[in-house]
Amino acid sequence: TIWAWRLGIWFCASLCLVLNFRSIALYPQTMPVFGTLAYFWIRKELAFRAPAGSPQRITRLLAVAGAWSYSLYLMHIPMSMLYGKLAAKLSAAIAPATISPIVGWFALKLFILTCAFCFYLAIERPSHRLARRLGSLDTGTKRKSPEAAAPELPAQPA
């Protein structure tokens, strides 16, 4: 069932974290195992959430999210550092006890996602378009964007 997969992936993530924290197995050893399990779990989630016979909507959503995931990868560390500096200045202006750590965590994630998406819109997407244009000049063919060329996943039973 889907809940067995969800609990299993949570347990695996927790186990990988404990093994890494205790220096028994570091991320290079645990991430391939976790990544493989996560792949199969995501396929199960997609099959579970997709209406019968229409995985295209979810596939397109993943293609759009995947299109700017590299921007997220590039921006998460610098934006975390910038957020830390901004939060330190802000906490000096207001009492630090008034902001919950959970609210701060969500604010950090929202800040990172917003900055990464803006980076994608301003830098990465125009660069991809330019590369496709230059590539089509070389070959004389027009290439589809990653969002338009999203592959279809076969529906899997839950």
C-alpha atoms as a PDB file:
ATOM      1  CA  THR A   1       0.000   0.000   0.000  1.00  0.00           C
ATOM      2  CA  ILE A   2       1.004   3.628  -0.331  1.00  0.00           C
ATOM      3  CA  TRP A   3       1.319   4.077   3.434  1.00  0.00           C
ATOM      4  CA  ALA A   4       3.792   1.213   3.642  1.00  0.00           C
ATOM      5  CA  TRP A   5       5.941   3.014   1.067  1.00  0.00           C
ATOM      6  CA  ARG A   6       5.620   6.330   2.932  1.00  0.00           C
ATOM      7  CA  LEU A   7       6.566   4.805   6.268  1.00  0.00           C
ATOM      8  CA  GLY A   8       9.336   2.792   4.660  1.00  0.00           C
ATOM      9  CA  ILE A   9      10.898   5.835   3.023  1.00  0.00           C
ATOM     10  CA  TRP A  10      10.626   7.785   6.276  1.00  0.00           C
ATOM     11  CA  PHE A  11      12.310   4.940   8.149  1.00  0.00           C
ATOM     12  CA  CYS A  12      15.042   4.674   5.508  1.00  0.00           C
ATOM     13  CA  ALA A  13      15.679   8.440   5.630  1.00  0.00           C
ATOM     14  CA  SER A  14      15.851   8.320   9.419  1.00  0.00           C
ATOM     15  CA  LEU A  15      18.197   5.340   9.347  1.00  0.00           C
ATOM     16  CA  CYS A  16      20.474   7.067   6.820  1.00  0.00           C
ATOM     17  CA  LEU A  17      20.548  10.167   9.015  1.00  0.00           C
ATOM     18  CA  VAL A  18      21.428   8.176  12.137  1.00  0.00           C
ATOM     19  CA  LEU A  19      24.101   6.196  10.305  1.00  0.00           C
ATOM     20  CA  ASN A  20      25.596   9.416   8.989  1.00  0.00           C
ATOM     21  CA  PHE A  21      25.383  11.161  12.367  1.00  0.00           C
ATOM     22  CA  ARG A  22      27.137   8.246  14.068  1.00  0.00           C
ATOM     23  CA  SER A  23      29.728   8.096  11.227  1.00  0.00           C
ATOM     24  CA  ILE A  24      28.879   4.458  10.586  1.00  0.00           C
ATOM     25  CA  ALA A  25      27.971   5.099   6.952  1.00  0.00           C
ATOM     26  CA  LEU A  26      28.337   8.518   5.353  1.00  0.00           C
ATOM     27  CA  TYR A  27      26.206  10.026   2.595  1.00  0.00           C
ATOM     28  CA  PRO A  28      28.241   8.510  -0.276  1.00  0.00           C
ATOM     29  CA  GLN A  29      27.307   5.061   1.069  1.00  0.00           C
ATOM     30  CA  THR A  30      23.687   5.750   2.057  1.00  0.00           C
ATOM     31  CA  MET A  31      22.477   8.048  -0.727  1.00  0.00           C
ATOM     32  CA  PRO A  32      22.530   5.477  -3.565  1.00  0.00           C
ATOM     33  CA  VAL A  33      20.361   3.144  -1.485  1.00  0.00           C
ATOM     34  CA  PHE A  34      18.012   5.922  -0.419  1.00  0.00           C
ATOM     35  CA  GLY A  35      17.878   7.382  -3.942  1.00  0.00           C
ATOM     36  CA  THR A  36      16.894   4.040  -5.429  1.00  0.00           C
ATOM     37  CA  LEU A  37      14.136   3.547  -2.860  1.00  0.00           C
ATOM     38  CA  ALA A  38      12.983   7.150  -3.344  1.00  0.00           C
ATOM     39  CA  TYR A  39      12.689   6.561  -7.090  1.00  0.00           C
ATOM     40  CA  PHE A  40      10.315   3.628  -6.594  1.00  0.00           C
ATOM     41  CA  TRP A  41       8.397   5.481  -3.875  1.00  0.00           C
ATOM     42  CA  ILE A  42       7.874   8.535  -6.130  1.00  0.00           C
ATOM     43  CA  ARG A  43       6.605   6.268  -8.914  1.00  0.00           C
ATOM     44  CA  LYS A  44       4.116   4.745  -6.448  1.00  0.00           C
ATOM     45  CA  GLU A  45       3.037   8.211  -5.266  1.00  0.00           C
ATOM     46  CA  LEU A  46       2.502   9.377  -8.834  1.00  0.00           C
ATOM     47  CA  ALA A  47       0.444   6.321  -9.674  1.00  0.00           C
ATOM     48  CA  PHE A  48      -1.566   6.755  -6.464  1.00  0.00           C
ATOM     49  CA  ARG A  49      -2.302  10.445  -7.028  1.00  0.00           C
ATOM     50  CA  ALA A  50      -2.979  10.365 -10.766  1.00  0.00           C
ATOM     51  CA  PRO A  51      -6.604  10.087 -11.812  1.00  0.00           C
ATOM     52  CA  ALA A  52      -7.247   6.871 -13.701  1.00  0.00           C
ATOM     53  CA  GLY A  53      -5.588   7.049 -17.100  1.00  0.00           C
ATOM     54  CA  SER A  54      -4.172  10.596 -16.839  1.00  0.00           C
ATOM     55  CA  PRO A  55      -0.594  10.706 -15.502  1.00  0.00           C
ATOM     56  CA  GLN A  56       0.222  13.525 -17.960  1.00  0.00           C
ATOM     57  CA  ARG A  57      -0.806  16.313 -15.568  1.00  0.00           C
ATOM     58  CA  ILE A  58       1.499  15.088 -12.796  1.00  0.00           C
ATOM     59  CA  THR A  59       4.285  14.373 -15.284  1.00  0.00           C
ATOM     60  CA  ARG A  60       4.071  17.940 -16.603  1.00  0.00           C
ATOM     61  CA  LEU A  61       4.096  19.290 -13.048  1.00  0.00           C
ATOM     62  CA  LEU A  62       7.246  17.288 -12.292  1.00  0.00           C
ATOM     63  CA  ALA A  63       8.830  18.456 -15.561  1.00  0.00           C
ATOM     64  CA  VAL A  64       8.186  22.099 -14.649  1.00  0.00           C
ATOM     65  CA  ALA A  65       9.510  21.574 -11.116  1.00  0.00           C
ATOM     66  CA  GLY A  66      12.495  19.699 -12.511  1.00  0.00           C
ATOM     67  CA  ALA A  67      13.204  22.496 -14.970  1.00  0.00           C
ATOM     68  CA  TRP A  68      14.110  24.876 -12.156  1.00  0.00           C
ATOM     69  CA  SER A  69      15.531  22.308  -9.729  1.00  0.00           C
ATOM     70  CA  TYR A  70      19.078  23.117 -10.850  1.00  0.00           C
ATOM     71  CA  SER A  71      18.469  26.736  -9.856  1.00  0.00           C
ATOM     72  CA  LEU A  72      17.341  25.448  -6.472  1.00  0.00           C
ATOM     73  CA  TYR A  73      20.524  23.402  -6.198  1.00  0.00           C
ATOM     74  CA  LEU A  74      22.665  26.410  -7.119  1.00  0.00           C
ATOM     75  CA  MET A  75      20.894  28.895  -4.880  1.00  0.00           C
ATOM     76  CA  HIS A  76      20.134  26.985  -1.668  1.00  0.00           C
ATOM     77  CA  ILE A  77      23.524  27.472   0.025  1.00  0.00           C
ATOM     78  CA  PRO A  78      24.072  31.177  -0.852  1.00  0.00           C
ATOM     79  CA  MET A  79      20.469  32.024   0.001  1.00  0.00           C
ATOM     80  CA  SER A  80      20.720  30.134   3.314  1.00  0.00           C
ATOM     81  CA  MET A  81      23.786  32.191   4.188  1.00  0.00           C
ATOM     82  CA  LEU A  82      22.099  35.438   3.119  1.00  0.00           C
ATOM     83  CA  TYR A  83      18.988  34.513   5.094  1.00  0.00           C
ATOM     84  CA  GLY A  84      21.157  33.856   8.169  1.00  0.00           C
ATOM     85  CA  LYS A  85      22.676  37.330   7.915  1.00  0.00           C
ATOM     86  CA  LEU A  86      19.288  38.952   7.343  1.00  0.00           C
ATOM     87  CA  ALA A  87      17.734  37.004  10.224  1.00  0.00           C
ATOM     88  CA  ALA A  88      20.573  38.046  12.547  1.00  0.00           C
ATOM     89  CA  LYS A  89      20.004  41.712  11.715  1.00  0.00           C
ATOM     90  CA  LEU A  90      16.255  41.309  12.103  1.00  0.00           C
ATOM     91  CA  SER A  91      16.538  39.497  15.432  1.00  0.00           C
ATOM     92  CA  ALA A  92      18.680  42.349  16.754  1.00  0.00           C
ATOM     93  CA  ALA A  93      15.824  44.720  15.940  1.00  0.00           C
ATOM     94  CA  ILE A  94      13.094  42.580  17.549  1.00  0.00           C
ATOM     95  CA  ALA A  95      13.094  40.212  20.496  1.00  0.00           C
ATOM     96  CA  PRO A  96      14.376  36.803  19.270  1.00  0.00           C
ATOM     97  CA  ALA A  97      12.011  34.917  21.559  1.00  0.00           C
ATOM     98  CA  THR A  98       9.016  36.203  19.603  1.00  0.00           C
ATOM     99  CA  ILE A  99       9.886  34.166  16.461  1.00  0.00           C
ATOM    100  CA  SER A 100       9.294  30.436  16.641  1.00  0.00           C
ATOM    101  CA  PRO A 101      12.071  28.235  15.198  1.00  0.00           C
ATOM    102  CA  ILE A 102       9.430  26.457  13.109  1.00  0.00           C
ATOM    103  CA  VAL A 103       8.280  29.758  11.617  1.00  0.00           C
ATOM    104  CA  GLY A 104      11.923  30.636  10.936  1.00  0.00           C
ATOM    105  CA  TRP A 105      12.469  27.281   9.217  1.00  0.00           C
ATOM    106  CA  PHE A 106       9.427  27.758   6.971  1.00  0.00           C
ATOM    107  CA  ALA A 107      10.479  31.334   6.225  1.00  0.00           C
ATOM    108  CA  LEU A 108      13.941  30.080   5.213  1.00  0.00           C
ATOM    109  CA  LYS A 109      12.465  27.457   2.871  1.00  0.00           C
ATOM    110  CA  LEU A 110      10.082  29.986   1.336  1.00  0.00           C
ATOM    111  CA  PHE A 111      12.955  32.472   0.895  1.00  0.00           C
ATOM    112  CA  ILE A 112      15.137  29.846  -0.812  1.00  0.00           C
ATOM    113  CA  LEU A 113      12.348  28.625  -3.111  1.00  0.00           C
ATOM    114  CA  THR A 114      11.406  32.176  -4.081  1.00  0.00           C
ATOM    115  CA  CYS A 115      15.004  33.171  -4.822  1.00  0.00           C
ATOM    116  CA  ALA A 116      15.657  29.961  -6.776  1.00  0.00           C
ATOM    117  CA  PHE A 117      12.531  30.422  -8.879  1.00  0.00           C
ATOM    118  CA  CYS A 118      13.453  34.058  -9.591  1.00  0.00           C
ATOM    119  CA  PHE A 119      16.959  32.909 -10.582  1.00  0.00           C
ATOM    120  CA  TYR A 120      15.383  30.362 -12.915  1.00  0.00           C
ATOM    121  CA  LEU A 121      13.131  32.971 -14.522  1.00  0.00           C
ATOM    122  CA  ALA A 122      15.860  35.602 -14.854  1.00  0.00           C
ATOM    123  CA  ILE A 123      18.937  33.499 -15.693  1.00  0.00           C
ATOM    124  CA  GLU A 124      18.395  29.802 -16.346  1.00  0.00           C
ATOM    125  CA  ARG A 125      15.317  29.804 -18.591  1.00  0.00           C
ATOM    126  CA  PRO A 126      16.621  32.560 -20.898  1.00  0.00           C
ATOM    127  CA  SER A 127      19.935  30.687 -21.106  1.00  0.00           C
ATOM    128  CA  HIS A 128      18.137  27.484 -22.110  1.00  0.00           C
ATOM    129  CA  ARG A 129      16.162  29.364 -24.751  1.00  0.00           C
ATOM    130  CA  LEU A 130      19.332  30.913 -26.133  1.00  0.00           C
ATOM    131  CA  ALA A 131      21.038  27.510 -26.206  1.00  0.00           C
ATOM    132  CA  ARG A 132      18.063  25.994 -28.083  1.00  0.00           C
ATOM    133  CA  ARG A 133      18.087  28.883 -30.546  1.00  0.00           C
ATOM    134  CA  LEU A 134      21.802  28.529 -31.136  1.00  0.00           C
ATOM    135  CA  GLY A 135      21.428  24.748 -31.418  1.00  0.00           C
ATOM    136  CA  SER A 136      18.647  25.084 -33.972  1.00  0.00           C
ATOM    137  CA  LEU A 137      20.859  27.399 -36.048  1.00  0.00           C
ATOM    138  CA  ASP A 138      23.482  24.670 -36.094  1.00  0.00           C
ATOM    139  CA  THR A 139      21.143  21.835 -37.066  1.00  0.00           C
ATOM    140  CA  GLY A 140      18.322  23.744 -38.703  1.00  0.00           C
ATOM    141  CA  THR A 141      15.700  22.121 -36.447  1.00  0.00           C
ATOM    142  CA  LYS A 142      13.592  23.548 -33.670  1.00  0.00           C
ATOM    143  CA  ARG A 143      13.909  21.866 -30.264  1.00  0.00           C
ATOM    144  CA  LYS A 144      11.203  21.559 -27.659  1.00  0.00           C
ATOM    145  CA  SER A 145      11.538  22.985 -24.166  1.00  0.00           C
ATOM    146  CA  PRO A 146      11.830  20.446 -21.308  1.00  0.00           C
ATOM    147  CA  GLU A 147       8.374  21.446 -20.071  1.00  0.00           C
ATOM    148  CA  ALA A 148       6.780  20.699 -23.459  1.00  0.00           C
ATOM    149  CA  ALA A 149       8.678  17.452 -23.962  1.00  0.00           C
ATOM    150  CA  ALA A 150       7.674  15.845 -20.659  1.00  0.00           C
ATOM    151  CA  PRO A 151       7.762  12.055 -20.894  1.00  0.00           C
ATOM    152  CA  GLU A 152       4.674  10.109 -19.972  1.00  0.00           C
ATOM    153  CA  LEU A 153       4.951   7.697 -17.053  1.00  0.00           C
ATOM    154  CA  PRO A 154       2.992   4.462 -17.163  1.00  0.00           C
ATOM    155  CA  ALA A 155       0.290   4.252 -14.528  1.00  0.00           C
ATOM    156  CA  GLN A 156       1.219   1.921 -11.693  1.00  0.00           C
ATOM    157  CA  PRO A 157      -1.255   0.296  -9.318  1.00  0.00           C
ATOM    158  CA  ALA A 158      -1.149   1.557  -5.740  1.00  0.00           C
END
